[in-house]
C-alpha cells in the first residue's frame, strides 16, 4: 500500500508536475489502483439551495453581489423542495447529494432548516455534502449531529494567488473553517479552481496546501474555471489564452492530487462540459473517481446525464457500488 504522507514539499510536488506525462499518469494510476476500484466512479448531484446575493467578491463567482452576471438573489429553498430534488437525484442514479448556499456564512436563523434538510437527505440513503460558507465551531457541531457526511469549503488556489482572486475572506479563514469541520467529526471536502490565470507554481502550491494538512481532505474537487461574463475573471480572461487551462496541464493537476492524497475522492467538477471525452478519460486514468451528474452545477453548465452514460459505456466505467456513507472521527481538540 502507498504510504500516506502529510509532509510533501513544494519541490517534490513540482517534480511530479515536471515528469514526462505518461510516467506521471502511470504513477498516478498505480496509486489509484492501490486504494480504489479503477473502473468505478461516484455519481454526485449538486443543487443550489440558496442562489445569488453573496457578499463575497470571489472573482470567478457569478453569485457574488460584485458580479454583473444576471444571477438574481433568492431565498433558501423550502425543505420539501430540496428533499424532492434529492429523491429525483437518487432515482437518476446519484449516490451523493451536494447542496450549496451563496452565503458568507449561515445565520443562526437558517440552521434549523439546514439541519432538517441534512437529516431528510441522509434518511434517503444518500451521502450528504453541504457548502454554506464559513462555519463556527457551534454550527459545525450542529451539522455533525444532524448526520452531515461532508462539508465543502474550497481553498481555491495557492496561498500566493488566492489574494489576487478574493479579498473579502482570507486563506486562513478558509483553513479555520476546515479545522472546525474536522474537529466536529465531519469529513472534509476541499479543492480549488485551475485556469484562473495562475502559474504552474500556483498549482503546485494549491496541491501542497491540501496535501500537508494534518489529515487529507476525504474529497478533493478539481474545477476548471468556467469564465462567466460579468465576473472579474470572466471578463479579464475571456479574450486571453489563459481563459482555458490546457487539458494536459489539467490532467497533471488531477494526477498530482491523486499521488499526494491517495485515499481522497478526487472529483472532476466544474468545467467538465468543455472537455473532450479523451481528456476526461485521461483524468479517470490519472485517478479521478467522482463526477457531478446533471446539466447544471449551481449556475454553471454541466455535461448532462445522457452524455455521461454514453461516456461511461465507451470507457467501460460504472457507478461506484453503494456503501453506507463514511463517517469521520471527531477530534477532541483542533489540530
Protein backbone atom coordinates (compact mmCIF):
# COMPACT_ATOMS: atom_id res chain seq x y z
CA UNK A 1 0.00 0.00 0.00
CA UNK A 2 1.08 3.55 -0.70
CA UNK A 3 2.45 5.48 2.25
CA UNK A 4 0.10 8.28 3.35
CA UNK A 5 2.21 11.40 3.78
CA UNK A 6 1.41 14.88 5.01
CA UNK A 7 4.97 16.16 4.73
CA UNK A 8 5.15 16.78 0.98
CA UNK A 9 7.44 19.61 -0.05
CA UNK A 10 6.74 22.01 -2.87
CA UNK A 11 9.84 20.78 -4.65
CA UNK A 12 8.57 17.19 -4.55
CA UNK A 13 5.19 18.20 -5.94
CA UNK A 14 6.82 20.36 -8.61
CA UNK A 15 8.89 17.33 -9.59
CA UNK A 16 5.66 15.36 -10.10
CA UNK A 17 4.27 18.06 -12.39
CA UNK A 18 7.55 18.01 -14.34
CA UNK A 19 7.52 14.25 -15.00
CA UNK A 20 7.01 13.04 -18.57
CA UNK A 21 3.24 12.93 -19.00
CA UNK A 22 2.98 9.18 -19.49
CA UNK A 23 5.20 8.50 -16.47
CA UNK A 24 3.06 10.78 -14.30
CA UNK A 25 -0.12 9.02 -15.41
CA UNK A 26 1.44 5.62 -14.76
CA UNK A 27 2.41 6.57 -11.22
CA UNK A 28 -0.99 8.12 -10.51
CA UNK A 29 -2.78 5.04 -11.87
CA UNK A 30 -0.67 2.79 -9.62
CA UNK A 31 -1.62 4.82 -6.56
CA UNK A 32 -5.27 4.88 -7.60
CA UNK A 33 -5.44 1.10 -8.07
CA UNK A 34 -3.83 0.55 -4.68
CA UNK A 35 -6.70 2.32 -2.91
CA UNK A 36 -9.72 2.48 -5.23
CA UNK A 37 -11.51 0.39 -7.84
CA UNK A 38 -10.26 1.80 -11.15
CA UNK A 39 -13.48 1.12 -13.07
CA UNK A 40 -15.86 2.73 -10.56
CA UNK A 41 -16.80 6.41 -10.41
CA UNK A 42 -19.06 8.00 -7.82
CA UNK A 43 -22.03 9.91 -9.24
CA UNK A 44 -22.93 13.14 -7.44
CA UNK A 45 -25.63 15.76 -7.86
CA UNK A 46 -25.19 19.41 -6.88
CA UNK A 47 -28.13 21.65 -6.03
CA UNK A 48 -28.10 25.37 -5.27
CA UNK A 49 -30.40 25.68 -2.26
CA UNK A 50 -29.85 29.44 -1.97
CA UNK A 51 -28.68 31.28 -5.08
CA UNK A 52 -27.06 34.70 -5.56
CA UNK A 53 -26.61 37.72 -3.35
CA UNK A 54 -23.35 36.58 -1.76
CA UNK A 55 -21.38 39.50 -0.22
CA UNK A 56 -18.01 37.89 -1.03
CA UNK A 57 -16.03 39.19 -4.02
CA UNK A 58 -14.67 35.88 -5.40
CA UNK A 59 -13.54 36.82 -8.89
CA UNK A 60 -14.82 33.62 -10.50
CA UNK A 61 -18.31 33.58 -8.99
CA UNK A 62 -21.49 34.64 -10.76
CA UNK A 63 -23.36 34.65 -7.43
CA UNK A 64 -21.33 37.49 -5.92
CA UNK A 65 -23.09 40.82 -5.45
CA UNK A 66 -19.97 42.29 -7.08
CA UNK A 67 -20.68 40.43 -10.33
CA UNK A 68 -22.85 41.72 -13.14
CA UNK A 69 -23.77 38.22 -14.27
CA UNK A 70 -27.55 38.42 -14.26
CA UNK A 71 -27.90 35.92 -11.41
CA UNK A 72 -30.67 37.11 -9.12
CA UNK A 73 -30.62 36.56 -5.37
CA UNK A 74 -33.09 34.06 -3.96
CA UNK A 75 -34.10 32.87 -0.51
CA UNK A 76 -33.27 29.48 0.98
CA UNK A 77 -35.30 26.77 -0.73
CA UNK A 78 -38.15 25.16 1.14
CA UNK A 79 -37.09 21.96 2.89
CA UNK A 80 -39.67 19.90 0.99
CA UNK A 81 -38.40 21.19 -2.37
CA UNK A 82 -34.83 20.22 -1.50
CA UNK A 83 -35.90 16.72 -0.44
CA UNK A 84 -37.88 16.29 -3.66
CA UNK A 85 -34.78 17.24 -5.66
CA UNK A 86 -32.71 14.76 -3.65
CA UNK A 87 -35.22 11.99 -4.35
CA UNK A 88 -35.06 12.72 -8.08
CA UNK A 89 -31.27 12.65 -7.96
CA UNK A 90 -31.28 9.27 -6.23
CA UNK A 91 -33.75 7.88 -8.76
CA UNK A 92 -31.41 9.09 -11.52
CA UNK A 93 -28.53 7.10 -10.00
CA UNK A 94 -26.70 9.64 -7.84
CA UNK A 95 -25.07 8.37 -4.69
CA UNK A 96 -24.05 11.73 -3.24
CA UNK A 97 -26.18 14.84 -2.91
CA UNK A 98 -24.33 18.13 -2.55
CA UNK A 99 -26.06 21.36 -1.58
CA UNK A 100 -24.69 24.87 -1.91
CA UNK A 101 -25.87 28.19 -0.47
CA UNK A 102 -24.48 31.54 -1.59
CA UNK A 103 -23.66 32.86 1.87
CA UNK A 104 -20.57 34.28 3.52
CA UNK A 105 -21.71 32.21 6.48
CA UNK A 106 -25.09 30.81 7.56
CA UNK A 107 -27.11 32.85 10.03
CA UNK A 108 -28.45 31.22 13.18
CA UNK A 109 -31.99 31.55 11.83
CA UNK A 110 -31.03 29.36 8.86
CA UNK A 111 -29.62 26.47 10.87
CA UNK A 112 -32.89 24.67 11.84
CA UNK A 113 -33.90 24.33 8.18
CA UNK A 114 -30.38 23.26 7.20
CA UNK A 115 -30.38 20.61 9.92
CA UNK A 116 -33.77 19.33 8.75
CA UNK A 117 -32.51 19.13 5.16
CA UNK A 118 -29.43 17.13 6.17
CA UNK A 119 -31.49 14.66 8.17
CA UNK A 120 -34.01 14.24 5.36
CA UNK A 121 -31.47 13.69 2.58
CA UNK A 122 -29.40 11.28 4.63
CA UNK A 123 -32.55 9.30 5.53
CA UNK A 124 -32.83 8.52 1.80
CA UNK A 125 -29.51 6.71 1.94
CA UNK A 126 -27.67 9.42 0.02
CA UNK A 127 -24.24 10.65 1.02
CA UNK A 128 -24.65 14.29 2.05
CA UNK A 129 -22.43 17.29 1.43
CA UNK A 130 -23.03 20.99 2.03
CA UNK A 131 -21.20 24.22 1.26
CA UNK A 132 -22.56 27.20 3.15
CA UNK A 133 -19.53 29.44 3.55
CA UNK A 134 -17.62 29.87 6.78
CA UNK A 135 -18.75 27.87 9.82
CA UNK A 136 -18.37 28.49 13.52
CA UNK A 137 -17.49 25.53 15.76
CA UNK A 138 -21.08 25.53 17.06
CA UNK A 139 -22.54 25.38 13.55
CA UNK A 140 -20.17 22.58 12.58
CA UNK A 141 -21.28 20.61 15.64
CA UNK A 142 -24.93 21.11 14.69
CA UNK A 143 -24.30 19.76 11.21
CA UNK A 144 -22.36 16.82 12.60
CA UNK A 145 -25.19 15.97 14.98
CA UNK A 146 -27.63 16.11 12.06
CA UNK A 147 -25.50 13.49 10.28
CA UNK A 148 -23.79 15.55 7.58
CA UNK A 149 -21.18 13.38 5.87
CA UNK A 150 -19.05 16.03 4.14
CA UNK A 151 -18.61 19.78 4.28
CA UNK A 152 -17.18 21.53 1.23
CA UNK A 153 -15.02 24.62 1.64
CA UNK A 154 -12.51 25.07 -1.15
CA UNK A 155 -9.15 26.80 -0.70
CA UNK A 156 -9.45 27.78 -4.39
CA UNK A 157 -5.76 28.26 -5.26
CA UNK A 158 -2.29 28.64 -3.79
CA UNK A 159 -1.88 30.97 -0.79
CA UNK A 160 0.02 33.37 -3.04
CA UNK A 161 -2.52 33.52 -5.87
CA UNK A 162 -5.56 33.41 -3.61
CA UNK A 163 -5.19 37.09 -2.71
CA UNK A 164 -5.48 38.03 -6.39
CA UNK A 165 -8.88 36.31 -6.63
CA UNK A 166 -10.60 37.07 -3.31
CA UNK A 167 -10.22 39.97 -0.87
CA UNK A 168 -13.25 39.57 1.43
CA UNK A 169 -12.09 36.32 3.04
CA UNK A 170 -8.53 35.17 3.72
CA UNK A 171 -6.99 31.79 3.09
CA UNK A 172 -6.66 31.44 6.87
CA UNK A 173 -10.42 32.00 7.23
CA UNK A 174 -10.92 29.01 4.95
CA UNK A 175 -8.44 26.86 6.83
CA UNK A 176 -10.13 27.79 10.12
CA UNK A 177 -13.47 26.55 8.78
CA UNK A 178 -11.84 23.30 7.65
CA UNK A 179 -10.46 22.89 11.16
CA UNK A 180 -13.91 23.50 12.68
CA UNK A 181 -15.40 20.91 10.32
CA UNK A 182 -12.71 18.35 11.07
CA UNK A 183 -12.98 18.91 14.82
CA UNK A 184 -16.74 18.32 14.65
CA UNK A 185 -16.19 14.91 13.06
CA UNK A 186 -17.41 15.79 9.55
CA UNK A 187 -15.45 14.65 6.52
CA UNK A 188 -13.67 17.48 4.71
CA UNK A 189 -14.27 18.29 1.05
CA UNK A 190 -11.80 20.89 -0.18
CA UNK A 191 -10.25 21.60 -3.55
CA UNK A 192 -9.99 24.52 -5.90
CA UNK A 193 -10.10 26.01 -9.37
CA UNK A 194 -7.44 25.97 -12.05
CA UNK A 195 -7.33 28.08 -15.17
CA UNK A 196 -7.79 31.38 -13.33
CA UNK A 197 -4.59 32.80 -14.81
CA UNK A 198 -2.36 31.18 -12.21
CA UNK A 199 1.03 29.64 -12.96
CA UNK A 200 2.09 26.03 -12.55
CA UNK A 201 3.89 27.15 -9.39
CA UNK A 202 0.49 28.20 -8.04
CA UNK A 203 -0.99 24.81 -8.92
CA UNK A 204 1.89 23.22 -7.04
CA UNK A 205 1.11 25.49 -4.08
CA UNK A 206 -2.57 24.56 -4.24
CA UNK A 207 -1.81 20.82 -4.08
CA UNK A 208 0.85 21.40 -1.42
CA UNK A 209 -1.58 23.25 0.87
CA UNK A 210 -4.11 20.40 0.78
CA UNK A 211 -1.63 17.54 0.94
CA UNK A 212 0.14 18.95 4.01
CA UNK A 213 -2.98 19.42 6.13
CA UNK A 214 -2.81 17.30 9.32
CA UNK A 215 -5.31 14.99 7.62
CA UNK A 216 -6.00 14.98 3.89
CA UNK A 217 -9.46 16.04 2.75
CA UNK A 218 -11.58 12.96 2.11
CA UNK A 219 -12.83 14.73 -1.01
CA UNK A 220 -10.81 16.94 -3.37
CA UNK A 221 -12.79 18.70 -6.14
CA UNK A 222 -10.69 19.91 -9.06
CA UNK A 223 -12.52 22.57 -11.08
CA UNK A 224 -11.57 24.20 -14.37
CA UNK A 225 -12.66 27.82 -14.46
CA UNK A 226 -15.88 28.43 -16.35
CA UNK A 227 -15.47 32.10 -17.35
CA UNK A 228 -18.79 33.86 -16.75
CA UNK A 229 -19.43 37.24 -18.35
CA UNK A 230 -19.84 39.89 -15.69
CA UNK A 231 -17.46 38.29 -13.20
CA UNK A 232 -13.99 39.73 -12.65
CA UNK A 233 -12.17 36.69 -14.01
CA UNK A 234 -14.74 36.00 -16.70
CA UNK A 235 -14.24 39.46 -18.17
CA UNK A 236 -10.48 39.55 -17.57
CA UNK A 237 -9.69 36.19 -19.15
CA UNK A 238 -12.35 36.00 -21.86
CA UNK A 239 -10.05 37.27 -24.59
CA UNK A 240 -6.77 35.78 -23.38
CA UNK A 241 -5.12 32.39 -23.89
CA UNK A 242 -5.29 31.85 -20.12
CA UNK A 243 -9.08 31.63 -20.16
CA UNK A 244 -8.99 27.86 -20.55
CA UNK A 245 -6.37 25.66 -18.96
CA UNK A 246 -4.63 23.23 -21.27
CA UNK A 247 -6.16 19.74 -20.95
CA UNK A 248 -2.78 18.11 -20.36
CA UNK A 249 -2.00 20.54 -17.54
CA UNK A 250 -5.41 19.89 -16.02
CA UNK A 251 -4.74 16.14 -16.07
CA UNK A 252 -1.34 16.75 -14.48
CA UNK A 253 -3.11 18.56 -11.63
CA UNK A 254 -5.50 15.64 -11.14
CA UNK A 255 -2.59 13.19 -11.14
CA UNK A 256 -0.65 15.22 -8.59
CA UNK A 257 -3.71 15.32 -6.34
CA UNK A 258 -4.10 11.55 -6.62
CA UNK A 259 -0.45 10.77 -5.85
CA UNK A 260 -0.17 13.13 -2.89
CA UNK A 261 -3.60 12.30 -1.42
CA UNK A 262 -4.07 8.59 -2.16
CA UNK A 263 -7.21 7.95 -0.10
CA UNK A 264 -9.16 11.02 -1.21
CA UNK A 265 -12.01 11.01 -3.70
CA UNK A 266 -10.70 13.24 -6.49
CA UNK A 267 -13.71 14.90 -8.08
CA UNK A 268 -13.98 16.24 -11.61
CA UNK A 269 -16.16 19.27 -11.04
CA UNK A 270 -16.87 22.47 -12.97
CA UNK A 271 -15.52 22.80 -16.49
CA UNK A 272 -16.00 19.19 -17.48
CA UNK A 273 -18.65 20.04 -20.07
CA UNK A 274 -15.98 21.73 -22.20
CA UNK A 275 -13.53 18.81 -22.01
CA UNK A 276 -13.26 16.23 -24.75
CA UNK A 277 -14.05 12.61 -23.98
CA UNK A 278 -10.35 11.86 -24.39
CA UNK A 279 -9.41 14.47 -21.78
CA UNK A 280 -11.95 13.08 -19.34
CA UNK A 281 -10.67 9.56 -19.96
CA UNK A 282 -7.15 10.73 -19.10
CA UNK A 283 -8.49 12.26 -15.88
CA UNK A 284 -10.02 8.93 -14.88
CA UNK A 285 -6.74 7.20 -15.71
CA UNK A 286 -4.94 9.78 -13.54
CA UNK A 287 -7.11 8.89 -10.56
CA UNK A 288 -10.29 10.97 -10.71
CA UNK A 289 -13.12 8.84 -9.35
CA UNK A 290 -16.09 11.13 -8.90
CA UNK A 291 -18.15 13.39 -11.17
CA UNK A 292 -21.19 15.62 -10.92
CA UNK A 293 -24.14 14.47 -12.99
CA UNK A 294 -26.94 16.54 -14.47
CA UNK A 295 -26.78 19.53 -16.79
CA UNK A 296 -26.14 22.23 -14.18
CA UNK A 297 -23.67 22.90 -11.34
CA UNK A 298 -25.10 25.68 -9.18
CA UNK A 299 -25.21 28.26 -12.00
CA UNK A 300 -22.65 26.73 -14.41
CA UNK A 301 -23.43 24.25 -17.22
CA UNK A 302 -22.55 20.56 -16.90
CA UNK A 303 -22.32 17.62 -19.30
CA UNK A 304 -25.70 16.03 -18.61
CA UNK A 305 -26.77 12.52 -17.65
CA UNK A 306 -27.12 11.17 -21.20
CA UNK A 307 -23.64 12.32 -22.19
CA UNK A 308 -22.17 10.82 -19.03
CA UNK A 309 -23.92 7.47 -19.56
CA UNK A 310 -22.60 7.32 -23.10
CA UNK A 311 -19.08 8.18 -21.95
CA UNK A 312 -19.15 5.55 -19.21
CA UNK A 313 -20.31 2.94 -21.74
CA UNK A 314 -17.47 3.83 -24.10
CA UNK A 315 -14.86 3.74 -21.34
CA UNK A 316 -16.19 0.65 -19.55
CA UNK A 317 -16.78 2.58 -16.33
CA UNK A 318 -19.60 2.01 -13.87
CA UNK A 319 -21.08 3.88 -10.91
CA UNK A 320 -19.45 3.30 -7.56
CA UNK A 321 -21.18 0.48 -5.75
CA UNK A 322 -23.31 1.89 -2.96
CA UNK A 323 -21.96 1.80 0.55
CA UNK A 324 -23.00 3.37 3.85
CA UNK A 325 -21.57 6.91 3.87
CA UNK A 326 -18.25 7.04 5.70
CA UNK A 327 -18.16 9.00 8.94
CA UNK A 328 -15.15 10.88 10.19
CA UNK A 329 -13.94 10.64 13.77
CA UNK A 330 -14.49 13.68 15.97
CA UNK A 331 -11.29 15.28 17.16
CA UNK A 332 -11.36 16.41 20.76
CA UNK A 333 -9.11 19.39 20.15
CA UNK A 334 -8.41 21.24 16.89
CA UNK A 335 -5.17 20.15 15.26
